[in-house]
N, C-alpha and C. Protein backbone atom coordinates (compact mmCIF):
# COMPACT_ATOMS: atom_id res chain seq x y z
N UNK A 1 -16.88 -5.61 -19.40
CA UNK A 1 -16.68 -6.99 -19.86
C UNK A 1 -15.08 -7.33 -19.78
N UNK A 2 -15.15 -8.17 -19.73
CA UNK A 2 -13.29 -8.53 -19.47
C UNK A 2 -13.30 -9.34 -20.94
N UNK A 3 -11.89 -9.03 -21.25
CA UNK A 3 -11.49 -9.74 -22.46
C UNK A 3 -10.13 -10.16 -22.32
N UNK A 4 -10.53 -11.88 -22.96
CA UNK A 4 -9.62 -12.99 -22.29
C UNK A 4 -9.35 -13.47 -23.82
N UNK A 5 -8.08 -12.98 -24.26
CA UNK A 5 -7.30 -13.92 -25.34
C UNK A 5 -6.34 -15.00 -24.86
N UNK A 6 -6.56 -15.96 -25.79
CA UNK A 6 -5.69 -17.08 -26.00
C UNK A 6 -4.96 -16.98 -27.06
N UNK A 7 -3.92 -17.62 -26.95
CA UNK A 7 -2.52 -18.33 -27.87
C UNK A 7 -2.39 -19.27 -28.09
N UNK A 8 -2.26 -20.03 -29.15
CA UNK A 8 -1.86 -21.14 -29.30
C UNK A 8 -0.73 -21.51 -30.59
N UNK A 9 0.16 -22.39 -30.35
CA UNK A 9 0.56 -22.76 -31.57
C UNK A 9 0.13 -23.47 -32.88
N UNK A 10 0.43 -23.43 -33.97
CA UNK A 10 -0.38 -24.35 -34.80
C UNK A 10 0.69 -24.86 -35.73
N UNK A 11 0.62 -26.99 -35.46
CA UNK A 11 -0.13 -27.55 -34.52
C UNK A 11 -0.05 -26.92 -33.12
N UNK A 12 -1.59 -27.35 -32.35
CA UNK A 12 -1.07 -26.84 -30.63
C UNK A 12 -0.57 -28.12 -30.14
N UNK A 13 0.26 -27.35 -29.02
CA UNK A 13 1.12 -28.30 -28.11
C UNK A 13 -0.05 -29.00 -26.71
N UNK A 14 0.63 -29.97 -26.60
CA UNK A 14 -0.34 -30.38 -25.14
C UNK A 14 -1.15 -29.02 -24.39
N UNK A 15 0.00 -28.53 -23.97
CA UNK A 15 -0.46 -26.99 -22.96
C UNK A 15 -1.48 -26.13 -24.04
N UNK A 16 -0.93 -26.38 -25.18
CA UNK A 16 -1.91 -24.94 -26.33
C UNK A 16 -3.43 -26.05 -26.12
N UNK A 17 -3.38 -27.05 -26.33
CA UNK A 17 -4.73 -27.94 -26.45
C UNK A 17 -5.24 -27.51 -25.36
N UNK A 18 -4.88 -28.15 -24.13
CA UNK A 18 -5.35 -28.02 -22.30
C UNK A 18 -5.89 -26.85 -22.21
N UNK A 19 -5.31 -25.05 -22.52
CA UNK A 19 -5.95 -23.99 -21.81
C UNK A 19 -6.46 -23.51 -22.95
N UNK A 20 -6.80 -24.15 -24.16
CA UNK A 20 -7.97 -23.74 -25.19
C UNK A 20 -9.19 -24.66 -24.63
N UNK A 21 -9.19 -25.66 -24.11
CA UNK A 21 -10.79 -26.27 -23.67
C UNK A 21 -10.99 -25.88 -22.03
N UNK A 22 -9.61 -25.39 -21.42
CA UNK A 22 -9.83 -24.70 -20.20
C UNK A 22 -10.77 -23.13 -20.38
N UNK A 23 -10.07 -22.02 -21.13
CA UNK A 23 -10.47 -21.11 -21.62
C UNK A 23 -12.21 -21.60 -22.04
N UNK A 24 -12.39 -22.41 -23.02
CA UNK A 24 -13.85 -22.89 -23.20
C UNK A 24 -14.84 -23.05 -22.13
N UNK A 25 -14.16 -24.31 -21.85
CA UNK A 25 -14.86 -24.32 -20.20
C UNK A 25 -14.92 -23.21 -19.35
N UNK A 26 -14.52 -22.30 -18.93
CA UNK A 26 -14.84 -21.08 -18.39
C UNK A 26 -15.86 -20.05 -18.98
N UNK A 27 -15.73 -20.08 -20.19
CA UNK A 27 -16.70 -18.93 -20.88
C UNK A 27 -17.62 -19.61 -21.14
N UNK A 28 -17.87 -20.67 -21.21
CA UNK A 28 -19.36 -21.37 -20.79
C UNK A 28 -20.27 -21.01 -19.50
N UNK A 29 -19.93 -20.36 -18.14
CA UNK A 29 -20.23 -19.91 -17.68
C UNK A 29 -20.79 -18.58 -17.73
N UNK A 30 -20.39 -17.70 -18.70
CA UNK A 30 -20.68 -16.41 -18.23
C UNK A 30 -21.11 -16.00 -19.85
N UNK A 31 -22.10 -14.76 -19.55
CA UNK A 31 -22.61 -14.25 -20.97
C UNK A 31 -21.58 -13.77 -21.82
N UNK A 32 -21.89 -13.29 -23.05
CA UNK A 32 -21.11 -12.40 -23.89
C UNK A 32 -20.70 -11.23 -23.23
N UNK A 33 -22.07 -10.72 -22.73
CA UNK A 33 -21.63 -9.39 -22.42
C UNK A 33 -20.65 -9.33 -20.92
N UNK A 34 -20.60 -10.60 -20.45
CA UNK A 34 -19.45 -10.69 -19.19
C UNK A 34 -17.94 -10.98 -19.56
N UNK A 35 -17.96 -11.84 -20.34
CA UNK A 35 -16.57 -12.25 -21.04
C UNK A 35 -16.83 -12.37 -22.52
N UNK A 36 -15.68 -11.87 -23.09
CA UNK A 36 -15.17 -12.24 -24.61
C UNK A 36 -13.99 -12.92 -24.76
N UNK A 37 -14.04 -13.97 -25.26
CA UNK A 37 -12.75 -15.27 -25.86
C UNK A 37 -12.56 -14.87 -27.12
N UNK A 38 -11.24 -14.60 -26.96
CA UNK A 38 -10.39 -15.04 -28.76
C UNK A 38 -9.79 -15.57 -28.39
N UNK A 39 -9.66 -16.48 -29.36
CA UNK A 39 -8.46 -17.45 -29.31
C UNK A 39 -7.87 -17.61 -30.67
N UNK A 40 -6.56 -17.23 -30.76
CA UNK A 40 -5.91 -17.06 -31.83
C UNK A 40 -4.76 -18.43 -31.74
N UNK A 41 -4.64 -19.30 -33.22
CA UNK A 41 -4.25 -20.11 -33.55
C UNK A 41 -2.90 -20.23 -34.65
N UNK A 42 -1.75 -19.95 -33.92
CA UNK A 42 -0.46 -19.99 -35.11
C UNK A 42 -0.36 -18.27 -35.42
N UNK A 43 -0.36 -18.30 -36.88
CA UNK A 43 -0.24 -17.30 -37.42
C UNK A 43 -1.01 -16.14 -37.32
N UNK A 44 -2.43 -16.55 -36.93
CA UNK A 44 -3.31 -15.74 -37.30
C UNK A 44 -3.81 -14.66 -36.01
N UNK A 45 -2.76 -14.89 -35.05
CA UNK A 45 -2.67 -14.10 -34.10
C UNK A 45 -1.11 -13.75 -34.16
N UNK A 46 -0.28 -13.75 -34.69
CA UNK A 46 0.85 -13.37 -34.56
C UNK A 46 1.09 -11.36 -34.31
N UNK A 47 0.11 -10.85 -34.81
CA UNK A 47 0.52 -9.71 -34.68
C UNK A 47 -0.32 -9.63 -33.38
N UNK A 48 -1.00 -9.71 -32.72
CA UNK A 48 -1.61 -9.55 -31.88
C UNK A 48 -0.34 -10.19 -30.20
N UNK A 49 0.51 -11.37 -30.81
CA UNK A 49 1.53 -12.03 -29.93
C UNK A 49 2.19 -11.05 -30.05
N UNK A 50 3.22 -10.28 -30.73
CA UNK A 50 4.10 -9.52 -30.85
C UNK A 50 3.50 -8.05 -30.20
N UNK A 51 2.89 -7.78 -30.67
CA UNK A 51 1.77 -6.33 -30.24
C UNK A 51 1.82 -6.19 -28.51
N UNK A 52 1.78 -7.87 -27.69
CA UNK A 52 2.07 -8.07 -26.35
C UNK A 52 2.96 -8.23 -25.63
N UNK A 53 4.18 -8.79 -26.66
CA UNK A 53 5.25 -8.40 -26.64
C UNK A 53 5.20 -10.38 -25.76
N UNK A 54 4.65 -11.44 -26.21
CA UNK A 54 4.87 -12.64 -25.80
C UNK A 54 5.64 -13.08 -26.16
N UNK A 55 6.48 -14.38 -25.50
CA UNK A 55 7.64 -15.04 -26.17
C UNK A 55 7.20 -16.51 -26.15
N UNK A 56 6.12 -16.90 -25.59
CA UNK A 56 5.77 -18.38 -26.27
C UNK A 56 4.37 -18.59 -25.77
N UNK A 57 3.90 -19.92 -26.37
CA UNK A 57 2.64 -20.28 -25.64
C UNK A 57 2.84 -21.64 -24.99
N UNK A 58 1.70 -21.97 -24.68
CA UNK A 58 -0.04 -21.13 -24.60
C UNK A 58 0.32 -19.62 -23.66
N UNK A 59 -0.12 -19.10 -23.96
CA UNK A 59 -0.23 -17.68 -23.47
C UNK A 59 -2.13 -17.37 -23.30
N UNK A 60 -1.97 -16.79 -22.05
CA UNK A 60 -3.56 -16.13 -21.75
C UNK A 60 -3.41 -14.56 -21.38
N UNK A 61 -4.08 -13.69 -22.20
CA UNK A 61 -3.93 -12.44 -22.24
C UNK A 61 -5.70 -11.53 -21.43
N UNK A 62 -5.37 -10.77 -20.53
CA UNK A 62 -6.87 -10.82 -19.63
C UNK A 62 -6.91 -9.14 -19.88
N UNK A 63 -7.38 -8.16 -20.70
CA UNK A 63 -7.55 -6.67 -20.77
C UNK A 63 -6.73 -6.66 -21.36
N UNK A 64 -5.58 -7.26 -22.19
CA UNK A 64 -4.31 -6.53 -22.44
C UNK A 64 -3.21 -6.59 -21.49
N UNK A 65 -3.52 -7.23 -20.62
CA UNK A 65 -2.14 -7.66 -19.57
C UNK A 65 -1.95 -8.97 -19.77
N UNK A 66 -0.57 -9.72 -20.02
CA UNK A 66 -0.13 -10.96 -20.06
C UNK A 66 -0.16 -11.58 -18.67
N UNK A 67 -1.21 -12.55 -18.55
CA UNK A 67 -1.57 -12.86 -17.32
C UNK A 67 -1.00 -14.52 -17.05
N UNK A 68 -0.54 -15.06 -18.18
CA UNK A 68 0.00 -16.71 -18.05
C UNK A 68 0.63 -16.44 -19.55
N UNK A 69 2.18 -17.34 -19.41
CA UNK A 69 2.43 -17.86 -20.62
C UNK A 69 3.42 -18.93 -19.92
N UNK A 70 3.81 -19.57 -21.41
CA UNK A 70 4.34 -20.79 -21.41
C UNK A 70 3.79 -22.00 -20.85
N UNK A 71 2.60 -21.70 -20.26
CA UNK A 71 2.31 -23.08 -19.53
C UNK A 71 0.69 -23.20 -19.52
N UNK A 72 0.30 -24.11 -19.26
CA UNK A 72 -1.97 -23.97 -19.18
C UNK A 72 -1.63 -23.84 -17.40
N UNK A 73 -2.32 -23.08 -17.31
CA UNK A 73 -3.01 -23.03 -15.67
C UNK A 73 -3.74 -24.03 -15.12
N UNK A 74 -4.18 -23.65 -13.67
CA UNK A 74 -4.86 -24.45 -13.52
C UNK A 74 -6.16 -23.18 -13.86
N UNK A 75 -7.61 -24.24 -13.64
CA UNK A 75 -8.80 -23.32 -13.61
C UNK A 75 -8.68 -22.51 -12.69
N UNK A 76 -8.24 -22.70 -10.99
CA UNK A 76 -8.36 -21.01 -10.44
C UNK A 76 -7.64 -20.16 -10.65
N UNK A 77 -6.19 -20.66 -11.39
CA UNK A 77 -5.30 -19.57 -11.88
C UNK A 77 -5.79 -18.85 -12.93
N UNK A 78 -6.58 -19.65 -13.92
CA UNK A 78 -7.00 -18.60 -14.62
C UNK A 78 -8.62 -17.66 -14.40
N UNK A 79 -9.00 -18.54 -13.60
CA UNK A 79 -10.45 -17.69 -12.50
C UNK A 79 -9.39 -16.43 -12.24
N UNK A 80 -8.47 -16.91 -10.92
CA UNK A 80 -8.04 -15.35 -10.21
C UNK A 80 -7.41 -14.66 -11.33
N UNK A 81 -6.91 -14.64 -12.59
CA UNK A 81 -6.46 -13.44 -13.45
C UNK A 81 -8.00 -12.93 -13.85
N UNK A 82 -9.01 -13.65 -13.93
CA UNK A 82 -9.75 -13.24 -14.72
C UNK A 82 -10.54 -12.08 -13.68
N UNK A 83 -10.54 -12.76 -12.29
CA UNK A 83 -11.03 -12.05 -11.21
C UNK A 83 -10.48 -10.64 -10.91
N UNK A 84 -9.06 -10.55 -11.08
CA UNK A 84 -8.10 -9.37 -10.98
C UNK A 84 -8.37 -8.09 -12.35
N UNK A 85 -9.19 -8.97 -13.46
CA UNK A 85 -9.43 -8.07 -14.18
C UNK A 85 -10.93 -7.68 -14.19
N UNK A 86 -11.26 -8.04 -13.19
CA UNK A 86 -13.03 -7.17 -13.31
C UNK A 86 -13.92 -8.55 -13.56
N UNK A 87 -13.64 -9.58 -13.45
CA UNK A 87 -14.80 -10.51 -14.29
C UNK A 87 -15.44 -11.01 -12.54
N UNK A 88 -16.68 -10.88 -12.74
CA UNK A 88 -17.34 -11.31 -11.11
C UNK A 88 -17.18 -13.02 -11.35
N UNK A 89 -17.09 -13.74 -10.77
CA UNK A 89 -16.78 -15.04 -10.63
C UNK A 89 -18.20 -15.95 -10.19
N UNK A 90 -18.56 -16.81 -11.04
CA UNK A 90 -19.79 -17.44 -10.98
C UNK A 90 -19.05 -18.75 -10.25
């Protein structure tokens, strides 16, 4: 299973809104056994945010590795990060 964690501000900026929508759209293609999606908004994710050493949102972490930070990626970029994390793309 590949684990995708998305970090957003509270209130979410336009980039945060976009990355959350993108992550949900990508997640919809996979079962829970293939892809686990966790979305952290604001303070609820601060512990993990600091644990990973993130500096800004929006951000995406795949299997514990920072893959995207400070921007909303294209769907292709997010898919590449997930593929590199071991997900068989659909």
